PDB file of N, CA and C in Angstrom:
ATOM      1  N   MET A   1      87.890 130.936  33.735  1.00  0.00           N
ATOM      2  CA  MET A   1      87.568 129.917  34.857  1.00  0.00           C
ATOM      3  C   MET A   1      87.942 130.387  35.784  1.00  0.00           C
ATOM      4  N   ARG A   2      86.860 130.110  37.068  1.00  0.00           N
ATOM      5  CA  ARG A   2      86.867 130.160  38.649  1.00  0.00           C
ATOM      6  C   ARG A   2      87.628 129.091  39.671  1.00  0.00           C
ATOM      7  N   ALA A   3      88.269 129.671  40.195  1.00  0.00           N
ATOM      8  CA  ALA A   3      89.371 128.370  41.063  1.00  0.00           C
ATOM      9  C   ALA A   3      88.367 127.921  42.293  1.00  0.00           C
ATOM     10  N   SER A   4      88.279 126.562  42.212  1.00  0.00           N
ATOM     11  CA  SER A   4      87.435 125.859  43.394  1.00  0.00           C
ATOM     12  C   SER A   4      87.375 126.658  44.199  1.00  0.00           C
ATOM     13  N   THR A   5      85.702 126.443  45.132  1.00  0.00           N
ATOM     14  CA  THR A   5      85.697 127.767  46.581  1.00  0.00           C
ATOM     15  C   THR A   5      85.962 126.625  47.120  1.00  0.00           C
ATOM     16  N   ASP A   6      86.216 125.617  47.671  1.00  0.00           N
ATOM     17  CA  ASP A   6      86.617 124.618  48.262  1.00  0.00           C
ATOM     18  C   ASP A   6      88.064 125.114  49.599  1.00  0.00           C
ATOM     19  N   ALA A   7      87.464 125.615  50.908  1.00  0.00           N
ATOM     20  CA  ALA A   7      89.146 125.977  51.402  1.00  0.00           C
ATOM     21  C   ALA A   7      89.687 124.813  51.527  1.00  0.00           C
ATOM     22  N   PRO A   8      91.154 125.106  51.886  1.00  0.00           N
ATOM     23  CA  PRO A   8      91.902 123.926  51.815  1.00  0.00           C
ATOM     24  C   PRO A   8      92.032 123.751  53.589  1.00  0.00           C
ATOM     25  N   ALA A   9      92.213 122.376  53.584  1.00  0.00           N
ATOM     26  CA  ALA A   9      91.804 121.704  55.000  1.00  0.00           C
ATOM     27  C   ALA A   9      92.832 122.102  55.789  1.00  0.00           C
ATOM     28  N   ALA A  10      92.401 122.409  57.140  1.00  0.00           N
ATOM     29  CA  ALA A  10      93.446 123.044  58.642  1.00  0.00           C
ATOM     30  C   ALA A  10      94.487 122.092  58.374  1.00  0.00           C
ATOM     31  N   THR A  11      95.264 122.354  58.446  1.00  0.00           N
ATOM     32  CA  THR A  11      96.852 121.473  58.649  1.00  0.00           C
ATOM     33  C   THR A  11      97.286 121.710  59.228  1.00  0.00           C
ATOM     34  N   HIS A  12      98.104 120.683  60.387  1.00  0.00           N
ATOM     35  CA  HIS A  12      98.761 120.513  61.288  1.00  0.00           C
ATOM     36  C   HIS A  12      99.979 120.560  61.171  1.00  0.00           C
ATOM     37  N   PRO A  13     101.033 121.310  61.936  1.00  0.00           N
ATOM     38  CA  PRO A  13     102.550 121.175  61.851  1.00  0.00           C
ATOM     39  C   PRO A  13     102.637 119.634  61.475  1.00  0.00           C
ATOM     40  N   GLN A  14     103.822 119.330  60.843  1.00  0.00           N
ATOM     41  CA  GLN A  14     103.869 117.937  60.860  1.00  0.00           C
ATOM     42  C   GLN A  14     105.582 117.823  61.429  1.00  0.00           C
ATOM     43  N   ARG A  15     105.763 117.011  61.684  1.00  0.00           N
ATOM     44  CA  ARG A  15     107.325 116.412  62.286  1.00  0.00           C
ATOM     45  C   ARG A  15     107.545 114.750  62.259  1.00  0.00           C
ATOM     46  N   THR A  16     108.772 114.617  62.122  1.00  0.00           N
ATOM     47  CA  THR A  16     109.295 113.287  61.906  1.00  0.00           C
ATOM     48  C   THR A  16     109.602 112.724  62.465  1.00  0.00           C
ATOM     49  N   CYS A  17     109.638 111.589  63.289  1.00  0.00           N
ATOM     50  CA  CYS A  17     110.106 110.923  63.825  1.00  0.00           C
ATOM     51  C   CYS A  17     111.466 110.531  63.469  1.00  0.00           C
ATOM     52  N   ILE A  18     112.350 110.532  64.853  1.00  0.00           N
ATOM     53  CA  ILE A  18     113.792 110.095  64.381  1.00  0.00           C
ATOM     54  C   ILE A  18     113.954 108.233  64.515  1.00  0.00           C
ATOM     55  N   GLY A  19     112.837 108.241  65.222  1.00  0.00           N
ATOM     56  CA  GLY A  19     112.775 106.492  65.034  1.00  0.00           C
ATOM     57  C   GLY A  19     112.366 105.700  63.959  1.00  0.00           C
ATOM     58  N   CYS A  20     111.127 105.841  63.607  1.00  0.00           N
ATOM     59  CA  CYS A  20     110.638 105.631  62.424  1.00  0.00           C
ATOM     60  C   CYS A  20     110.585 106.218  61.122  1.00  0.00           C
ATOM     61  N   ARG A  21     110.787 107.441  61.369  1.00  0.00           N
ATOM     62  CA  ARG A  21     110.966 108.008  60.126  1.00  0.00           C
ATOM     63  C   ARG A  21     109.673 108.426  59.558  1.00  0.00           C
ATOM     64  N   GLN A  22     108.858 107.954  59.929  1.00  0.00           N
ATOM     65  CA  GLN A  22     107.169 108.450  59.637  1.00  0.00           C
ATOM     66  C   GLN A  22     106.829 110.086  60.301  1.00  0.00           C
ATOM     67  N   THR A  23     106.143 110.735  59.255  1.00  0.00           N
ATOM     68  CA  THR A  23     105.597 111.942  59.874  1.00  0.00           C
ATOM     69  C   THR A  23     104.350 112.120  60.524  1.00  0.00           C
ATOM     70  N   ALA A  24     103.916 112.841  61.487  1.00  0.00           N
ATOM     71  CA  ALA A  24     102.877 112.889  62.160  1.00  0.00           C
ATOM     72  C   ALA A  24     102.718 114.271  62.659  1.00  0.00           C
ATOM     73  N   ALA A  25     101.578 114.334  63.128  1.00  0.00           N
ATOM     74  CA  ALA A  25     101.076 115.738  63.746  1.00  0.00           C
ATOM     75  C   ALA A  25     102.240 116.304  65.019  1.00  0.00           C
ATOM     76  N   ARG A  26     102.659 117.487  65.138  1.00  0.00           N
ATOM     77  CA  ARG A  26     103.237 117.771  66.111  1.00  0.00           C
ATOM     78  C   ARG A  26     102.556 117.223  67.721  1.00  0.00           C
ATOM     79  N   SER A  27     101.477 117.540  67.728  1.00  0.00           N
ATOM     80  CA  SER A  27     100.958 117.385  68.840  1.00  0.00           C
ATOM     81  C   SER A  27     101.093 115.746  69.216  1.00  0.00           C
ATOM     82  N   GLU A  28     101.350 114.685  68.554  1.00  0.00           N
ATOM     83  CA  GLU A  28     101.193 113.465  68.828  1.00  0.00           C
ATOM     84  C   GLU A  28     102.423 113.076  69.154  1.00  0.00           C
ATOM     85  N   MET A  29     103.453 113.960  69.204  1.00  0.00           N
ATOM     86  CA  MET A  29     105.028 113.516  69.077  1.00  0.00           C
ATOM     87  C   MET A  29     105.522 114.105  70.484  1.00  0.00           C
ATOM     88  N   LEU A  30     106.782 113.416  71.076  1.00  0.00           N
ATOM     89  CA  LEU A  30     107.562 114.185  71.941  1.00  0.00           C
ATOM     90  C   LEU A  30     108.651 114.547  71.326  1.00  0.00           C
ATOM     91  N   ARG A  31     108.699 116.029  71.689  1.00  0.00           N
ATOM     92  CA  ARG A  31     109.784 117.128  71.795  1.00  0.00           C
ATOM     93  C   ARG A  31     111.334 116.906  72.461  1.00  0.00           C
ATOM     94  N   LEU A  32     112.320 116.105  71.706  1.00  0.00           N
ATOM     95  CA  LEU A  32     113.397 115.901  72.637  1.00  0.00           C
ATOM     96  C   LEU A  32     114.637 117.174  72.272  1.00  0.00           C
ATOM     97  N   VAL A  33     114.698 117.487  73.430  1.00  0.00           N
ATOM     98  CA  VAL A  33     115.742 118.838  73.262  1.00  0.00           C
ATOM     99  C   VAL A  33     117.475 118.450  73.976  1.00  0.00           C
ATOM    100  N   LYS A  34     118.394 119.106  74.312  1.00  0.00           N
ATOM    101  CA  LYS A  34     119.506 118.810  74.796  1.00  0.00           C
ATOM    102  C   LYS A  34     119.084 119.664  75.821  1.00  0.00           C
ATOM    103  N   ASP A  35     119.699 119.491  77.294  1.00  0.00           N
ATOM    104  CA  ASP A  35     119.612 119.758  78.565  1.00  0.00           C
ATOM    105  C   ASP A  35     120.325 121.208  78.297  1.00  0.00           C
ATOM    106  N   LEU A  36     119.355 122.022  79.197  1.00  0.00           N
ATOM    107  CA  LEU A  36     120.175 123.618  79.274  1.00  0.00           C
ATOM    108  C   LEU A  36     121.503 122.931  80.137  1.00  0.00           C
ATOM    109  N   ASP A  37     121.256 122.532  81.226  1.00  0.00           N
ATOM    110  CA  ASP A  37     122.567 122.550  82.496  1.00  0.00           C
ATOM    111  C   ASP A  37     123.857 121.853  81.700  1.00  0.00           C
ATOM    112  N   ASP A  38     123.050 120.364  81.069  1.00  0.00           N
ATOM    113  CA  ASP A  38     124.429 119.716  80.750  1.00  0.00           C
ATOM    114  C   ASP A  38     123.943 119.470  79.166  1.00  0.00           C
ATOM    115  N   ALA A  39     124.807 119.795  78.427  1.00  0.00           N
ATOM    116  CA  ALA A  39     124.168 120.361  76.994  1.00  0.00           C
ATOM    117  C   ALA A  39     124.764 118.446  76.235  1.00  0.00           C
ATOM    118  N   ALA A  40     125.280 117.551  76.614  1.00  0.00           N
ATOM    119  CA  ALA A  40     125.640 116.326  76.367  1.00  0.00           C
ATOM    120  C   ALA A  40     124.461 115.273  76.404  1.00  0.00           C
ATOM    121  N   ARG A  41     123.256 116.088  77.256  1.00  0.00           N
ATOM    122  CA  ARG A  41     122.150 115.099  77.823  1.00  0.00           C
ATOM    123  C   ARG A  41     121.036 115.477  77.251  1.00  0.00           C
ATOM    124  N   VAL A  42     120.097 114.420  76.522  1.00  0.00           N
ATOM    125  CA  VAL A  42     118.909 115.051  75.883  1.00  0.00           C
ATOM    126  C   VAL A  42     117.990 114.471  76.791  1.00  0.00           C
ATOM    127  N   VAL A  43     116.609 115.806  76.654  1.00  0.00           N
ATOM    128  CA  VAL A  43     115.954 115.252  77.916  1.00  0.00           C
ATOM    129  C   VAL A  43     114.473 115.379  76.856  1.00  0.00           C
ATOM    130  N   VAL A  44     113.240 115.248  77.211  1.00  0.00           N
ATOM    131  CA  VAL A  44     112.020 115.091  76.752  1.00  0.00           C
ATOM    132  C   VAL A  44     111.638 116.482  77.114  1.00  0.00           C
ATOM    133  N   ASP A  45     111.203 117.458  76.292  1.00  0.00           N
ATOM    134  CA  ASP A  45     110.585 118.697  76.430  1.00  0.00           C
ATOM    135  C   ASP A  45     108.838 118.619  76.314  1.00  0.00           C
ATOM    136  N   PRO A  46     108.052 118.474  77.497  1.00  0.00           N
ATOM    137  CA  PRO A  46     106.796 117.847  77.445  1.00  0.00           C
ATOM    138  C   PRO A  46     105.883 119.177  77.082  1.00  0.00           C
ATOM    139  N   ARG A  47     106.172 120.463  77.300  1.00  0.00           N
ATOM    140  CA  ARG A  47     105.638 121.414  77.004  1.00  0.00           C
ATOM    141  C   ARG A  47     105.797 121.853  75.479  1.00  0.00           C
ATOM    142  N   ARG A  48     106.941 121.821  74.930  1.00  0.00           N
ATOM    143  CA  ARG A  48     107.517 122.291  73.788  1.00  0.00           C
ATOM    144  C   ARG A  48     107.918 123.394  73.707  1.00  0.00           C
ATOM    145  N   ARG A  49     108.438 123.950  74.913  1.00  0.00           N
ATOM    146  CA  ARG A  49     108.905 125.548  75.074  1.00  0.00           C
ATOM    147  C   ARG A  49     110.332 125.430  74.940  1.00  0.00           C
ATOM    148  N   LEU A  50     111.131 124.473  75.307  1.00  0.00           N
ATOM    149  CA  LEU A  50     112.644 124.931  75.793  1.00  0.00           C
ATOM    150  C   LEU A  50     113.138 125.141  75.045  1.00  0.00           C
ATOM    151  N   PRO A  51     114.269 125.873  74.856  1.00  0.00           N
ATOM    152  CA  PRO A  51     114.848 126.416  73.606  1.00  0.00           C
ATOM    153  C   PRO A  51     116.083 125.575  73.123  1.00  0.00           C
ATOM    154  N   GLY A  52     116.797 125.702  71.756  1.00  0.00           N
ATOM    155  CA  GLY A  52     117.518 124.973  71.461  1.00  0.00           C
ATOM    156  C   GLY A  52     117.205 123.698  70.235  1.00  0.00           C
ATOM    157  N   ARG A  53     118.166 123.208  69.537  1.00  0.00           N
ATOM    158  CA  ARG A  53     117.404 121.989  68.743  1.00  0.00           C
ATOM    159  C   ARG A  53     116.902 120.969  69.120  1.00  0.00           C
ATOM    160  N   GLY A  54     115.912 120.655  68.401  1.00  0.00           N
ATOM    161  CA  GLY A  54     114.766 120.087  69.042  1.00  0.00           C
ATOM    162  C   GLY A  54     114.917 118.496  67.861  1.00  0.00           C
ATOM    163  N   ALA A  55     114.277 117.026  68.251  1.00  0.00           N
ATOM    164  CA  ALA A  55     114.023 116.085  67.519  1.00  0.00           C
ATOM    165  C   ALA A  55     112.876 115.786  68.172  1.00  0.00           C
ATOM    166  N   TRP A  56     112.084 115.053  67.181  1.00  0.00           N
ATOM    167  CA  TRP A  56     110.710 114.887  67.463  1.00  0.00           C
ATOM    168  C   TRP A  56     111.065 113.133  67.789  1.00  0.00           C
ATOM    169  N   LEU A  57     109.828 112.414  68.315  1.00  0.00           N
ATOM    170  CA  LEU A  57     109.996 110.859  68.677  1.00  0.00           C
ATOM    171  C   LEU A  57     108.399 110.567  69.183  1.00  0.00           C
ATOM    172  N   HIS A  58     107.827 109.407  68.548  1.00  0.00           N
ATOM    173  CA  HIS A  58     106.469 108.917  68.424  1.00  0.00           C
ATOM    174  C   HIS A  58     106.674 108.581  69.937  1.00  0.00           C
ATOM    175  N   PRO A  59     105.809 108.539  71.110  1.00  0.00           N
ATOM    176  CA  PRO A  59     106.115 108.168  72.359  1.00  0.00           C
ATOM    177  C   PRO A  59     105.378 106.607  72.393  1.00  0.00           C
ATOM    178  N   ASP A  60     106.332 106.054  71.676  1.00  0.00           N
ATOM    179  CA  ASP A  60     106.342 104.439  71.287  1.00  0.00           C
ATOM    180  C   ASP A  60     107.504 103.757  71.875  1.00  0.00           C
ATOM    181  N   TRP A  61     107.905 103.094  72.481  1.00  0.00           N
ATOM    182  CA  TRP A  61     109.030 101.895  72.309  1.00  0.00           C
ATOM    183  C   TRP A  61     109.508 101.844  70.923  1.00  0.00           C
ATOM    184  N   ALA A  62     108.646 101.183  70.204  1.00  0.00           N
ATOM    185  CA  ALA A  62     109.336 100.687  68.962  1.00  0.00           C
ATOM    186  C   ALA A  62     110.116 101.715  68.608  1.00  0.00           C
ATOM    187  N   CYS A  63     109.877 102.793  68.460  1.00  0.00           N
ATOM    188  CA  CYS A  63     110.375 104.230  67.842  1.00  0.00           C
ATOM    189  C   CYS A  63     111.661 104.231  68.588  1.00  0.00           C
ATOM    190  N   LEU A  64     111.533 104.279  69.885  1.00  0.00           N
ATOM    191  CA  LEU A  64     112.738 104.522  71.173  1.00  0.00           C
ATOM    192  C   LEU A  64     113.558 103.678  70.554  1.00  0.00           C
ATOM    193  N   LYS A  65     113.494 102.276  70.756  1.00  0.00           N
ATOM    194  CA  LYS A  65     114.327 101.413  70.235  1.00  0.00           C
ATOM    195  C   LYS A  65     115.047 101.718  68.753  1.00  0.00           C
ATOM    196  N   GLN A  66     114.174 101.804  67.890  1.00  0.00           N
ATOM    197  CA  GLN A  66     114.821 101.971  66.451  1.00  0.00           C
ATOM    198  C   GLN A  66     115.556 103.320  66.102  1.00  0.00           C
ATOM    199  N   ALA A  67     115.351 104.236  66.967  1.00  0.00           N
ATOM    200  CA  ALA A  67     116.178 105.458  67.089  1.00  0.00           C
ATOM    201  C   ALA A  67     117.600 104.931  67.751  1.00  0.00           C
ATOM    202  N   LEU A  68     117.500 104.175  68.661  1.00  0.00           N
ATOM    203  CA  LEU A  68     118.786 103.981  69.664  1.00  0.00           C
ATOM    204  C   LEU A  68     119.481 102.983  68.363  1.00  0.00           C
ATOM    205  N   ARG A  69     118.842 101.967  67.519  1.00  0.00           N
ATOM    206  CA  ARG A  69     119.256 100.800  66.609  1.00  0.00           C
ATOM    207  C   ARG A  69     120.078 101.681  65.427  1.00  0.00           C
ATOM    208  N   ARG A  70     119.354 102.821  65.284  1.00  0.00           N
ATOM    209  CA  ARG A  70     120.147 103.691  63.997  1.00  0.00           C
ATOM    210  C   ARG A  70     120.989 104.727  64.197  1.00  0.00           C
ATOM    211  N   ARG A  71     121.003 104.667  65.695  1.00  0.00           N
ATOM    212  CA  ARG A  71     122.113 105.974  65.950  1.00  0.00           C
ATOM    213  C   ARG A  71     121.371 107.503  65.676  1.00  0.00           C
ATOM    214  N   ALA A  72     119.963 107.560  65.632  1.00  0.00           N
ATOM    215  CA  ALA A  72     119.517 108.865  65.302  1.00  0.00           C
ATOM    216  C   ALA A  72     119.815 109.904  66.421  1.00  0.00           C
ATOM    217  N   PHE A  73     119.712 109.549  67.456  1.00  0.00           N
ATOM    218  CA  PHE A  73     120.219 110.818  68.504  1.00  0.00           C
ATOM    219  C   PHE A  73     121.121 111.478  68.421  1.00  0.00           C
ATOM    220  N   GLN A  74     122.293 110.805  68.078  1.00  0.00           N
ATOM    221  CA  GLN A  74     123.585 111.202  67.417  1.00  0.00           C
ATOM    222  C   GLN A  74     123.504 112.565  66.224  1.00  0.00           C
ATOM    223  N   ARG A  75     123.051 111.794  65.309  1.00  0.00           N
ATOM    224  CA  ARG A  75     122.802 112.550  64.030  1.00  0.00           C
ATOM    225  C   ARG A  75     121.871 113.944  64.440  1.00  0.00           C
ATOM    226  N   ALA A  76     120.841 113.448  65.119  1.00  0.00           N
ATOM    227  CA  ALA A  76     119.838 114.668  65.246  1.00  0.00           C
ATOM    228  C   ALA A  76     120.227 115.784  65.907  1.00  0.00           C
ATOM    229  N   PHE A  77     121.142 115.527  67.277  1.00  0.00           N
ATOM    230  CA  PHE A  77     121.682 116.436  67.978  1.00  0.00           C
ATOM    231  C   PHE A  77     123.281 116.947  67.077  1.00  0.00           C
ATOM    232  N   ARG A  78     123.551 116.729  65.932  1.00  0.00           N
ATOM    233  CA  ARG A  78     124.641 116.617  65.432  1.00  0.00           C
ATOM    234  C   ARG A  78     125.828 116.379  66.876  1.00  0.00           C
ATOM    235  N   GLY A  79     126.019 115.303  67.186  1.00  0.00           N
ATOM    236  CA  GLY A  79     127.336 115.035  67.980  1.00  0.00           C
ATOM    237  C   GLY A  79     126.699 113.854  69.341  1.00  0.00           C
ATOM    238  N   ALA A  80     127.919 113.351  70.070  1.00  0.00           N
ATOM    239  CA  ALA A  80     127.217 112.180  71.035  1.00  0.00           C
ATOM    240  C   ALA A  80     126.157 113.162  71.895  1.00  0.00           C
ATOM    241  N   VAL A  81     125.485 112.407  72.303  1.00  0.00           N
ATOM    242  CA  VAL A  81     124.539 112.566  73.634  1.00  0.00           C
ATOM    243  C   VAL A  81     124.352 111.582  74.637  1.00  0.00           C
ATOM    244  N   ASP A  82     124.064 112.071  75.634  1.00  0.00           N
ATOM    245  CA  ASP A  82     123.353 111.008  76.550  1.00  0.00           C
ATOM    246  C   ASP A  82     121.837 110.779  76.445  1.00  0.00           C
ATOM    247  N   HIS A  83     121.196 109.583  75.915  1.00  0.00           N
ATOM    248  CA  HIS A  83     119.675 109.579  75.650  1.00  0.00           C
ATOM    249  C   HIS A  83     119.280 108.885  76.895  1.00  0.00           C
ATOM    250  N   ARG A  84     119.796 108.495  77.640  1.00  0.00           N
ATOM    251  CA  ARG A  84     119.218 107.538  79.014  1.00  0.00           C
ATOM    252  C   ARG A  84     117.920 108.516  79.446  1.00  0.00           C
ATOM    253  N   PRO A  85     118.095 109.738  79.715  1.00  0.00           N
ATOM    254  CA  PRO A  85     116.732 110.763  80.342  1.00  0.00           C
ATOM    255  C   PRO A  85     115.448 110.394  79.745  1.00  0.00           C
ATOM    256  N   VAL A  86     115.831 110.381  78.266  1.00  0.00           N
ATOM    257  CA  VAL A  86     114.665 109.711  77.487  1.00  0.00           C
ATOM    258  C   VAL A  86     114.124 108.228  77.618  1.00  0.00           C
ATOM    259  N   GLU A  87     115.041 107.339  78.035  1.00  0.00           N
ATOM    260  CA  GLU A  87     114.953 105.997  78.119  1.00  0.00           C
ATOM    261  C   GLU A  87     113.993 106.144  79.898  1.00  0.00           C
ATOM    262  N   ASP A  88     114.554 106.878  80.644  1.00  0.00           N
ATOM    263  CA  ASP A  88     114.006 106.595  81.855  1.00  0.00           C
ATOM    264  C   ASP A  88     112.401 107.430  81.801  1.00  0.00           C
ATOM    265  N   TYR A  89     112.227 108.351  80.864  1.00  0.00           N
ATOM    266  CA  TYR A  89     110.882 108.684  80.615  1.00  0.00           C
ATOM    267  C   TYR A  89     109.829 107.744  80.137  1.00  0.00           C
ATOM    268  N   PHE A  90     110.522 106.869  79.435  1.00  0.00           N
ATOM    269  CA  PHE A  90     109.513 105.838  79.330  1.00  0.00           C
ATOM    270  C   PHE A  90     109.326 104.398  80.031  1.00  0.00           C
ATOM    271  N   GLY A  91     110.513 104.633  80.783  1.00  0.00           N
ATOM    272  CA  GLY A  91     110.320 103.574  82.018  1.00  0.00           C
ATOM    273  C   GLY A  91     111.449 102.983  82.235  1.00  0.00           C
ATOM    274  N   THR A  92     111.805 102.002  82.784  1.00  0.00           N
ATOM    275  CA  THR A  92     113.284 101.485  83.127  1.00  0.00           C
ATOM    276  C   THR A  92     113.248 100.408  82.395  1.00  0.00           C
ATOM    277  N   SER A  93     112.151  99.522  81.978  1.00  0.00           N
ATOM    278  CA  SER A  93     112.366  98.253  81.267  1.00  0.00           C
ATOM    279  C   SER A  93     111.904  98.267  80.107  1.00  0.00           C
ATOM    280  N   VAL A  94     112.435  97.568  78.853  1.00  0.00           N
ATOM    281  CA  VAL A  94     111.711  97.403  77.800  1.00  0.00           C
ATOM    282  C   VAL A  94     110.668  96.296  77.896  1.00  0.00           C
ATOM    283  N   PRO A  95     108.873  97.112  77.535  1.00  0.00           N
ATOM    284  CA  PRO A  95     107.883  95.277  77.808  1.00  0.00           C
ATOM    285  C   PRO A  95     108.287  94.701  76.595  1.00  0.00           C
ATOM    286  N   ALA A  96     107.974  93.500  77.067  1.00  0.00           N
ATOM    287  CA  ALA A  96     107.629  92.232  76.189  1.00  0.00           C
ATOM    288  C   ALA A  96     106.956  92.233  74.853  1.00  0.00           C
ATOM    289  N   PRO A  97     107.281  91.711  73.870  1.00  0.00           N
ATOM    290  CA  PRO A  97     106.039  91.746  73.010  1.00  0.00           C
ATOM    291  C   PRO A  97     104.993  90.988  73.334  1.00  0.00           C
ATOM    292  N   ALA A  98     104.030  91.222  72.669  1.00  0.00           N
ATOM    293  CA  ALA A  98     102.754  90.435  73.366  1.00  0.00           C
ATOM    294  C   ALA A  98     103.125  89.015  72.961  1.00  0.00           C
ATOM    295  N   GLY A  99     102.161  88.470  73.929  1.00  0.00           N
ATOM    296  CA  GLY A  99     102.305  86.909  73.431  1.00  0.00           C
ATOM    297  C   GLY A  99     103.534  86.041  74.189  1.00  0.00           C
ATOM    298  N   THR A 100     104.678  86.650  74.588  1.00  0.00           N
ATOM    299  CA  THR A 100     105.650  86.027  74.963  1.00  0.00           C
ATOM    300  C   THR A 100     105.788  85.934  76.514  1.00  0.00           C
ATOM    301  N   ASP A 101     105.119  85.392  77.363  1.00  0.00           N
ATOM    302  CA  ASP A 101     104.550  85.423  78.555  1.00  0.00           C
ATOM    303  C   ASP A 101     105.629  84.292  79.053  1.00  0.00           C
ATOM    304  N   ASP A 102     106.791  83.489  78.679  1.00  0.00           N
ATOM    305  CA  ASP A 102     107.678  82.525  79.083  1.00  0.00           C
ATOM    306  C   ASP A 102     108.548  82.581  79.417  1.00  0.00           C
ATOM    307  N   ASP A 103     109.369  84.294  79.603  1.00  0.00           N
ATOM    308  CA  ASP A 103     110.440  84.483  80.327  1.00  0.00           C
ATOM    309  C   ASP A 103     110.362  85.396  81.739  1.00  0.00           C
ATOM    310  N   LEU A 104     109.046  84.984  81.906  1.00  0.00           N
ATOM    311  CA  LEU A 104     107.686  86.262  83.241  1.00  0.00           C
ATOM    312  C   LEU A 104     108.131  84.725  84.137  1.00  0.00           C
ATOM    313  N   PRO A 105     108.488  85.111  85.631  1.00  0.00           N
ATOM    314  CA  PRO A 105     108.142  83.846  86.519  1.00  0.00           C
ATOM    315  C   PRO A 105     107.365  83.634  86.890  1.00  0.00           C
ATOM    316  N   GLU A 106     106.453  82.522  87.212  1.00  0.00           N
ATOM    317  CA  GLU A 106     105.375  82.437  87.572  1.00  0.00           C
ATOM    318  C   GLU A 106     104.581  82.907  89.290  1.00  0.00           C
ATOM    319  N   VAL A 107     103.976  83.347  89.493  1.00  0.00           N
ATOM    320  CA  VAL A 107     103.201  84.019  90.846  1.00  0.00           C
ATOM    321  C   VAL A 107     102.505  83.603  91.376  1.00  0.00           C
ATOM    322  N   HIS A 108     102.158  82.991  92.302  1.00  0.00           N
ATOM    323  CA  HIS A 108     101.090  82.516  93.019  1.00  0.00           C
ATOM    324  C   HIS A 108     100.472  83.177  93.760  1.00  0.00           C
ATOM    325  N   VAL A 109      99.043  83.494  93.595  1.00  0.00           N
ATOM    326  CA  VAL A 109      98.562  84.833  93.997  1.00  0.00           C
ATOM    327  C   VAL A 109      98.508  84.705  95.249  1.00  0.00           C
ATOM    328  N   GLU A 110      98.102  83.444  96.112  1.00  0.00           N
ATOM    329  CA  GLU A 110      97.444  83.735  97.298  1.00  0.00           C
ATOM    330  C   GLU A 110      99.160  83.442  98.294  1.00  0.00           C
ATOM    331  N   SER A 111     100.066  83.235  97.869  1.00  0.00           N
ATOM    332  CA  SER A 111     101.307  83.271  98.867  1.00  0.00           C
ATOM    333  C   SER A 111     102.136  84.703  98.093  1.00  0.00           C
ATOM    334  N   GLY A 112     101.953  84.899  96.920  1.00  0.00           N
ATOM    335  CA  GLY A 112     102.812  86.240  96.287  1.00  0.00           C
ATOM    336  C   GLY A 112     104.202  85.285  96.323  1.00  0.00           C
ATOM    337  N   SER A 113     104.713  84.527  96.313  1.00  0.00           N
ATOM    338  CA  SER A 113     105.938  83.831  95.844  1.00  0.00           C
ATOM    339  C   SER A 113     106.191  83.485  94.831  1.00  0.00           C
ATOM    340  N   GLU A 114     107.453  83.569  94.142  1.00  0.00           N
ATOM    341  CA  GLU A 114     107.650  83.249  92.536  1.00  0.00           C
ATOM    342  C   GLU A 114     108.418  81.742  92.951  1.00  0.00           C
ATOM    343  N   ILE A 115     108.069  81.164  91.600  1.00  0.00           N
ATOM    344  CA  ILE A 115     108.834  79.516  91.397  1.00  0.00           C
ATOM    345  C   ILE A 115     109.782  79.692  90.683  1.00  0.00           C
TER     346      ILE A 115
END
């Protein structure tokens, strides 16, 4: 009996997100590494070329928050690390969930003042 002539589908390298624990293509995720100058600090490696132990995270606030809650940074980098540069990469404030404008101040367009 002959083997199937179908060629296997091209596979992309898969990585696991330290936040949600889902696998995805490497191209869809951010690589995180320990900083070369300060080994206690974790930074984003946008070019995916820095040396050292890496961890992967979806570029999504939900995954970042889940990684922080689960203490995944300490586990992935085998010790206590400063993850603030990763938070800064995402921005300084956590976006509010959709539909919850109750906490935002009301701004009058014509004056620009807040109530």
